């Protein structure tokens, strides 16, 4: 287990952007971003939102996930 940094998008009343692109008070449903720049880019589509940084435990350290994500993006 490792502590990893993630980013989420919140609206002005504290709801989280979900994978379905709705806002919910349930933090467990929040769409999580590995990179702050990606979160900021996504938040630009939702006026009045902010990007919030948080830390959580993960079974995969960031260096492993970031390599996987960049490979998938290159293939797309």
PDB file of N, CA and C in Angstrom:
ATOM      1  N   UNK A   1       0.841  -1.184   0.000  1.00  0.00           N
ATOM      2  CA  UNK A   1       0.000   0.000   0.000  1.00  0.00           C
ATOM      3  C   UNK A   1       0.880   1.239   0.000  1.00  0.00           C
ATOM      4  N   UNK A   2       0.414   2.236  -0.735  1.00  0.00           N
ATOM      5  CA  UNK A   2       1.141   3.498  -0.805  1.00  0.00           C
ATOM      6  C   UNK A   2       0.147   4.649  -0.753  1.00  0.00           C
ATOM      7  N   UNK A   3       0.574   5.768  -0.211  1.00  0.00           N
ATOM      8  CA  UNK A   3      -0.247   6.968  -0.197  1.00  0.00           C
ATOM      9  C   UNK A   3      -0.065   7.647  -1.554  1.00  0.00           C
ATOM     10  N   UNK A   4      -1.170   7.939  -2.238  1.00  0.00           N
ATOM     11  CA  UNK A   4      -1.117   8.577  -3.547  1.00  0.00           C
ATOM     12  C   UNK A   4      -1.941   9.855  -3.525  1.00  0.00           C
ATOM     13  N   UNK A   5      -1.577  10.792  -4.370  1.00  0.00           N
ATOM     14  CA  UNK A   5      -2.300  12.049  -4.495  1.00  0.00           C
ATOM     15  C   UNK A   5      -3.252  11.953  -5.671  1.00  0.00           C
ATOM     16  N   UNK A   6      -4.475  12.373  -5.448  1.00  0.00           N
ATOM     17  CA  UNK A   6      -5.492  12.383  -6.487  1.00  0.00           C
ATOM     18  C   UNK A   6      -6.185  13.741  -6.488  1.00  0.00           C
ATOM     19  N   UNK A   7      -6.918  14.019  -7.545  1.00  0.00           N
ATOM     20  CA  UNK A   7      -7.640  15.275  -7.680  1.00  0.00           C
ATOM     21  C   UNK A   7      -9.084  14.981  -8.044  1.00  0.00           C
ATOM     22  N   UNK A   8      -9.986  15.787  -7.502  1.00  0.00           N
ATOM     23  CA  UNK A   8     -11.404  15.656  -7.831  1.00  0.00           C
ATOM     24  C   UNK A   8     -11.939  17.040  -8.173  1.00  0.00           C
ATOM     25  N   UNK A   9     -13.125  17.068  -8.758  1.00  0.00           N
ATOM     26  CA  UNK A   9     -13.769  18.326  -9.130  1.00  0.00           C
ATOM     27  C   UNK A   9     -15.008  18.484  -8.262  1.00  0.00           C
ATOM     28  N   UNK A  10     -15.131  19.661  -7.640  1.00  0.00           N
ATOM     29  CA  UNK A  10     -16.292  19.948  -6.798  1.00  0.00           C
ATOM     30  C   UNK A  10     -17.006  21.191  -7.294  1.00  0.00           C
ATOM     31  N   UNK A  11     -18.330  21.187  -7.145  1.00  0.00           N
ATOM     32  CA  UNK A  11     -19.086  22.386  -7.501  1.00  0.00           C
ATOM     33  C   UNK A  11     -19.158  23.318  -6.297  1.00  0.00           C
ATOM     34  N   UNK A  12     -19.877  24.418  -6.442  1.00  0.00           N
ATOM     35  CA  UNK A  12     -19.901  25.450  -5.406  1.00  0.00           C
ATOM     36  C   UNK A  12     -20.593  25.021  -4.117  1.00  0.00           C
ATOM     37  N   UNK A  13     -21.368  23.948  -4.131  1.00  0.00           N
ATOM     38  CA  UNK A  13     -22.026  23.472  -2.903  1.00  0.00           C
ATOM     39  C   UNK A  13     -21.348  22.226  -2.327  1.00  0.00           C
ATOM     40  N   UNK A  14     -20.206  21.825  -2.879  1.00  0.00           N
ATOM     41  CA  UNK A  14     -19.428  20.720  -2.322  1.00  0.00           C
ATOM     42  C   UNK A  14     -19.742  19.346  -2.874  1.00  0.00           C
ATOM     43  N   UNK A  15     -20.467  19.283  -3.989  1.00  0.00           N
ATOM     44  CA  UNK A  15     -20.740  17.981  -4.604  1.00  0.00           C
ATOM     45  C   UNK A  15     -19.585  17.622  -5.530  1.00  0.00           C
ATOM     46  N   UNK A  16     -19.365  16.331  -5.713  1.00  0.00           N
ATOM     47  CA  UNK A  16     -18.256  15.821  -6.519  1.00  0.00           C
ATOM     48  C   UNK A  16     -18.735  15.417  -7.910  1.00  0.00           C
ATOM     49  N   UNK A  17     -17.920  15.689  -8.913  1.00  0.00           N
ATOM     50  CA  UNK A  17     -18.189  15.214 -10.263  1.00  0.00           C
ATOM     51  C   UNK A  17     -17.963  13.710 -10.290  1.00  0.00           C
ATOM     52  N   UNK A  18     -18.923  12.966 -10.856  1.00  0.00           N
ATOM     53  CA  UNK A  18     -18.846  11.504 -10.884  1.00  0.00           C
ATOM     54  C   UNK A  18     -18.430  11.007 -12.266  1.00  0.00           C
ATOM     55  N   UNK A  19     -18.211   9.715 -12.383  1.00  0.00           N
ATOM     56  CA  UNK A  19     -17.864   9.094 -13.666  1.00  0.00           C
ATOM     57  C   UNK A  19     -18.952   9.292 -14.715  1.00  0.00           C
ATOM     58  N   UNK A  20     -20.197   9.469 -14.272  1.00  0.00           N
ATOM     59  CA  UNK A  20     -21.318   9.664 -15.192  1.00  0.00           C
ATOM     60  C   UNK A  20     -21.510  11.143 -15.531  1.00  0.00           C
ATOM     61  N   UNK A  21     -20.601  12.007 -15.053  1.00  0.00           N
ATOM     62  CA  UNK A  21     -20.636  13.454 -15.283  1.00  0.00           C
ATOM     63  C   UNK A  21     -21.872  14.109 -14.683  1.00  0.00           C
ATOM     64  N   UNK A  22     -22.276  13.607 -13.500  1.00  0.00           N
ATOM     65  CA  UNK A  22     -23.265  14.252 -12.653  1.00  0.00           C
ATOM     66  C   UNK A  22     -22.547  14.648 -11.384  1.00  0.00           C
ATOM     67  N   UNK A  23     -23.178  15.481 -10.569  1.00  0.00           N
ATOM     68  CA  UNK A  23     -22.583  15.862  -9.297  1.00  0.00           C
ATOM     69  C   UNK A  23     -23.296  15.138  -8.168  1.00  0.00           C
ATOM     70  N   UNK A  24     -22.528  14.651  -7.198  1.00  0.00           N
ATOM     71  CA  UNK A  24     -23.060  13.863  -6.086  1.00  0.00           C
ATOM     72  C   UNK A  24     -22.334  14.249  -4.804  1.00  0.00           C
ATOM     73  N   UNK A  25     -23.047  14.134  -3.686  1.00  0.00           N
ATOM     74  CA  UNK A  25     -22.417  14.360  -2.385  1.00  0.00           C
ATOM     75  C   UNK A  25     -21.590  13.159  -1.940  1.00  0.00           C
ATOM     76  N   UNK A  26     -21.720  12.038  -2.610  1.00  0.00           N
ATOM     77  CA  UNK A  26     -21.003  10.824  -2.230  1.00  0.00           C
ATOM     78  C   UNK A  26     -19.547  10.880  -2.711  1.00  0.00           C
ATOM     79  N   UNK A  27     -18.625  11.025  -1.794  1.00  0.00           N
ATOM     80  CA  UNK A  27     -17.212  11.123  -2.139  1.00  0.00           C
ATOM     81  C   UNK A  27     -16.713   9.843  -2.816  1.00  0.00           C
ATOM     82  N   UNK A  28     -17.298   8.712  -2.481  1.00  0.00           N
ATOM     83  CA  UNK A  28     -16.869   7.444  -3.083  1.00  0.00           C
ATOM     84  C   UNK A  28     -17.210   7.368  -4.573  1.00  0.00           C
ATOM     85  N   UNK A  29     -18.135   8.195  -5.037  1.00  0.00           N
ATOM     86  CA  UNK A  29     -18.520   8.211  -6.453  1.00  0.00           C
ATOM     87  C   UNK A  29     -17.704   9.212  -7.275  1.00  0.00           C
ATOM     88  N   UNK A  30     -16.839   9.958  -6.618  1.00  0.00           N
ATOM     89  CA  UNK A  30     -16.105  11.029  -7.283  1.00  0.00           C
ATOM     90  C   UNK A  30     -15.173  10.502  -8.371  1.00  0.00           C
ATOM     91  N   UNK A  31     -15.163  11.206  -9.480  1.00  0.00           N
ATOM     92  CA  UNK A  31     -14.214  10.941 -10.552  1.00  0.00           C
ATOM     93  C   UNK A  31     -12.845  11.389 -10.048  1.00  0.00           C
ATOM     94  N   UNK A  32     -11.849  10.519 -10.126  1.00  0.00           N
ATOM     95  CA  UNK A  32     -10.523  10.827  -9.612  1.00  0.00           C
ATOM     96  C   UNK A  32      -9.540  11.004 -10.765  1.00  0.00           C
ATOM     97  N   UNK A  33      -8.719  12.011 -10.640  1.00  0.00           N
ATOM     98  CA  UNK A  33      -7.701  12.300 -11.641  1.00  0.00           C
ATOM     99  C   UNK A  33      -6.330  12.091 -11.020  1.00  0.00           C
ATOM    100  N   UNK A  34      -5.402  11.577 -11.807  1.00  0.00           N
ATOM    101  CA  UNK A  34      -4.026  11.368 -11.350  1.00  0.00           C
ATOM    102  C   UNK A  34      -3.198  12.639 -11.523  1.00  0.00           C
ATOM    103  N   UNK A  35      -3.616  13.490 -12.438  1.00  0.00           N
ATOM    104  CA  UNK A  35      -2.853  14.680 -12.791  1.00  0.00           C
ATOM    105  C   UNK A  35      -3.715  15.931 -12.594  1.00  0.00           C
ATOM    106  N   UNK A  36      -3.162  16.931 -11.944  1.00  0.00           N
ATOM    107  CA  UNK A  36      -3.908  18.167 -11.698  1.00  0.00           C
ATOM    108  C   UNK A  36      -4.268  18.867 -13.007  1.00  0.00           C
ATOM    109  N   UNK A  37      -3.382  18.841 -13.979  1.00  0.00           N
ATOM    110  CA  UNK A  37      -3.663  19.497 -15.259  1.00  0.00           C
ATOM    111  C   UNK A  37      -4.875  18.880 -15.953  1.00  0.00           C
ATOM    112  N   UNK A  38      -5.009  17.556 -15.888  1.00  0.00           N
ATOM    113  CA  UNK A  38      -6.172  16.888 -16.477  1.00  0.00           C
ATOM    114  C   UNK A  38      -7.450  17.304 -15.758  1.00  0.00           C
ATOM    115  N   UNK A  39      -7.387  17.388 -14.441  1.00  0.00           N
ATOM    116  CA  UNK A  39      -8.551  17.796 -13.657  1.00  0.00           C
ATOM    117  C   UNK A  39      -8.944  19.234 -13.978  1.00  0.00           C
ATOM    118  N   UNK A  40      -7.959  20.114 -14.104  1.00  0.00           N
ATOM    119  CA  UNK A  40      -8.247  21.507 -14.441  1.00  0.00           C
ATOM    120  C   UNK A  40      -8.863  21.632 -15.829  1.00  0.00           C
ATOM    121  N   UNK A  41      -8.373  20.845 -16.770  1.00  0.00           N
ATOM    122  CA  UNK A  41      -8.921  20.851 -18.124  1.00  0.00           C
ATOM    123  C   UNK A  41     -10.389  20.398 -18.119  1.00  0.00           C
ATOM    124  N   UNK A  42     -10.676  19.350 -17.375  1.00  0.00           N
ATOM    125  CA  UNK A  42     -12.046  18.842 -17.273  1.00  0.00           C
ATOM    126  C   UNK A  42     -12.945  19.841 -16.542  1.00  0.00           C
ATOM    127  N   UNK A  43     -12.429  20.470 -15.489  1.00  0.00           N
ATOM    128  CA  UNK A  43     -13.210  21.426 -14.706  1.00  0.00           C
ATOM    129  C   UNK A  43     -13.601  22.654 -15.531  1.00  0.00           C
ATOM    130  N   UNK A  44     -12.821  22.978 -16.536  1.00  0.00           N
ATOM    131  CA  UNK A  44     -13.132  24.129 -17.387  1.00  0.00           C
ATOM    132  C   UNK A  44     -14.487  23.980 -18.082  1.00  0.00           C
ATOM    133  N   UNK A  45     -14.945  22.754 -18.269  1.00  0.00           N
ATOM    134  CA  UNK A  45     -16.238  22.497 -18.907  1.00  0.00           C
ATOM    135  C   UNK A  45     -17.405  22.705 -17.938  1.00  0.00           C
ATOM    136  N   UNK A  46     -17.104  22.904 -16.655  1.00  0.00           N
ATOM    137  CA  UNK A  46     -18.138  23.060 -15.629  1.00  0.00           C
ATOM    138  C   UNK A  46     -17.885  24.362 -14.865  1.00  0.00           C
ATOM    139  N   UNK A  47     -18.426  25.488 -15.346  1.00  0.00           N
ATOM    140  CA  UNK A  47     -18.195  26.779 -14.677  1.00  0.00           C
ATOM    141  C   UNK A  47     -18.603  26.736 -13.198  1.00  0.00           C
ATOM    142  N   UNK A  48     -17.807  27.380 -12.368  1.00  0.00           N
ATOM    143  CA  UNK A  48     -18.090  27.442 -10.940  1.00  0.00           C
ATOM    144  C   UNK A  48     -17.525  26.281 -10.141  1.00  0.00           C
ATOM    145  N   UNK A  49     -16.775  25.395 -10.785  1.00  0.00           N
ATOM    146  CA  UNK A  49     -16.192  24.255 -10.073  1.00  0.00           C
ATOM    147  C   UNK A  49     -14.748  24.533  -9.689  1.00  0.00           C
ATOM    148  N   UNK A  50     -14.259  23.752  -8.744  1.00  0.00           N
ATOM    149  CA  UNK A  50     -12.861  23.847  -8.330  1.00  0.00           C
ATOM    150  C   UNK A  50     -12.242  22.453  -8.335  1.00  0.00           C
ATOM    151  N   UNK A  51     -10.942  22.419  -8.464  1.00  0.00           N
ATOM    152  CA  UNK A  51     -10.197  21.154  -8.393  1.00  0.00           C
ATOM    153  C   UNK A  51      -9.644  21.036  -6.983  1.00  0.00           C
ATOM    154  N   UNK A  52      -9.952  19.914  -6.352  1.00  0.00           N
ATOM    155  CA  UNK A  52      -9.516  19.675  -4.978  1.00  0.00           C
ATOM    156  C   UNK A  52      -8.515  18.527  -4.943  1.00  0.00           C
ATOM    157  N   UNK A  53      -7.462  18.718  -4.184  1.00  0.00           N
ATOM    158  CA  UNK A  53      -6.409  17.707  -4.035  1.00  0.00           C
ATOM    159  C   UNK A  53      -6.685  16.891  -2.769  1.00  0.00           C
ATOM    160  N   UNK A  54      -6.491  15.584  -2.850  1.00  0.00           N
ATOM    161  CA  UNK A  54      -6.624  14.745  -1.667  1.00  0.00           C
ATOM    162  C   UNK A  54      -5.664  13.572  -1.783  1.00  0.00           C
ATOM    163  N   UNK A  55      -5.444  12.902  -0.671  1.00  0.00           N
ATOM    164  CA  UNK A  55      -4.567  11.739  -0.653  1.00  0.00           C
ATOM    165  C   UNK A  55      -5.353  10.527  -0.177  1.00  0.00           C
ATOM    166  N   UNK A  56      -5.015   9.379  -0.719  1.00  0.00           N
ATOM    167  CA  UNK A  56      -5.653   8.138  -0.296  1.00  0.00           C
ATOM    168  C   UNK A  56      -4.661   7.012  -0.453  1.00  0.00           C
ATOM    169  N   UNK A  57      -4.978   5.889   0.160  1.00  0.00           N
ATOM    170  CA  UNK A  57      -4.126   4.709   0.033  1.00  0.00           C
ATOM    171  C   UNK A  57      -4.476   3.971  -1.254  1.00  0.00           C
ATOM    172  N   UNK A  58      -3.470   3.414  -1.884  1.00  0.00           N
ATOM    173  CA  UNK A  58      -3.657   2.657  -3.111  1.00  0.00           C
ATOM    174  C   UNK A  58      -2.739   1.449  -3.086  1.00  0.00           C
ATOM    175  N   UNK A  59      -3.181   0.373  -3.714  1.00  0.00           N
ATOM    176  CA  UNK A  59      -2.327  -0.805  -3.821  1.00  0.00           C
ATOM    177  C   UNK A  59      -1.307  -0.638  -4.939  1.00  0.00           C
ATOM    178  N   UNK A  60      -1.495   0.380  -5.788  1.00  0.00           N
ATOM    179  CA  UNK A  60      -0.568   0.668  -6.885  1.00  0.00           C
ATOM    180  C   UNK A  60       0.046   2.040  -6.684  1.00  0.00           C
ATOM    181  N   UNK A  61       1.360   2.140  -6.619  1.00  0.00           N
ATOM    182  CA  UNK A  61       1.989   3.455  -6.498  1.00  0.00           C
ATOM    183  C   UNK A  61       1.809   4.282  -7.770  1.00  0.00           C
ATOM    184  N   UNK A  62       1.902   5.590  -7.649  1.00  0.00           N
ATOM    185  CA  UNK A  62       1.676   6.496  -8.780  1.00  0.00           C
ATOM    186  C   UNK A  62       2.579   6.223  -9.975  1.00  0.00           C
ATOM    187  N   UNK A  63       3.837   5.891  -9.755  1.00  0.00           N
ATOM    188  CA  UNK A  63       4.731   5.715 -10.898  1.00  0.00           C
ATOM    189  C   UNK A  63       4.264   4.578 -11.795  1.00  0.00           C
ATOM    190  N   UNK A  64       3.651   3.555 -11.227  1.00  0.00           N
ATOM    191  CA  UNK A  64       3.136   2.442 -12.017  1.00  0.00           C
ATOM    192  C   UNK A  64       1.923   2.885 -12.831  1.00  0.00           C
ATOM    193  N   UNK A  65       0.982   3.566 -12.202  1.00  0.00           N
ATOM    194  CA  UNK A  65      -0.237   4.002 -12.885  1.00  0.00           C
ATOM    195  C   UNK A  65       0.049   5.064 -13.937  1.00  0.00           C
ATOM    196  N   UNK A  66       0.930   6.004 -13.641  1.00  0.00           N
ATOM    197  CA  UNK A  66       1.180   7.071 -14.595  1.00  0.00           C
ATOM    198  C   UNK A  66       1.796   6.512 -15.886  1.00  0.00           C
ATOM    199  N   UNK A  67       2.617   5.495 -15.792  1.00  0.00           N
ATOM    200  CA  UNK A  67       3.165   4.880 -16.994  1.00  0.00           C
ATOM    201  C   UNK A  67       2.099   4.176 -17.809  1.00  0.00           C
ATOM    202  N   UNK A  68       1.184   3.505 -17.153  1.00  0.00           N
ATOM    203  CA  UNK A  68       0.095   2.804 -17.834  1.00  0.00           C
ATOM    204  C   UNK A  68      -0.811   3.787 -18.548  1.00  0.00           C
ATOM    205  N   UNK A  69      -1.151   4.882 -17.871  1.00  0.00           N
ATOM    206  CA  UNK A  69      -2.060   5.872 -18.459  1.00  0.00           C
ATOM    207  C   UNK A  69      -1.419   6.503 -19.685  1.00  0.00           C
ATOM    208  N   UNK A  70      -0.146   6.852 -19.635  1.00  0.00           N
ATOM    209  CA  UNK A  70       0.480   7.494 -20.780  1.00  0.00           C
ATOM    210  C   UNK A  70       0.595   6.535 -21.971  1.00  0.00           C
ATOM    211  N   UNK A  71       0.778   5.231 -21.716  1.00  0.00           N
ATOM    212  CA  UNK A  71       0.820   4.263 -22.796  1.00  0.00           C
ATOM    213  C   UNK A  71      -0.546   4.167 -23.460  1.00  0.00           C
ATOM    214  N   UNK A  72      -1.619   4.136 -22.650  1.00  0.00           N
ATOM    215  CA  UNK A  72      -2.967   4.060 -23.197  1.00  0.00           C
ATOM    216  C   UNK A  72      -3.287   5.294 -24.018  1.00  0.00           C
ATOM    217  N   UNK A  73      -2.859   6.453 -23.574  1.00  0.00           N
ATOM    218  CA  UNK A  73      -3.126   7.689 -24.312  1.00  0.00           C
ATOM    219  C   UNK A  73      -2.356   7.719 -25.627  1.00  0.00           C
ATOM    220  N   UNK A  74      -1.137   7.225 -25.607  1.00  0.00           N
ATOM    221  CA  UNK A  74      -0.348   7.202 -26.832  1.00  0.00           C
ATOM    222  C   UNK A  74      -0.986   6.307 -27.876  1.00  0.00           C
ATOM    223  N   UNK A  75      -1.588   5.217 -27.435  1.00  0.00           N
ATOM    224  CA  UNK A  75      -2.214   4.278 -28.354  1.00  0.00           C
ATOM    225  C   UNK A  75      -3.509   4.840 -28.935  1.00  0.00           C
ATOM    226  N   UNK A  76      -4.139   5.746 -28.225  1.00  0.00           N
ATOM    227  CA  UNK A  76      -5.427   6.304 -28.663  1.00  0.00           C
ATOM    228  C   UNK A  76      -5.238   7.334 -29.713  1.00  0.00           C
TER     229      UNK A  76
END
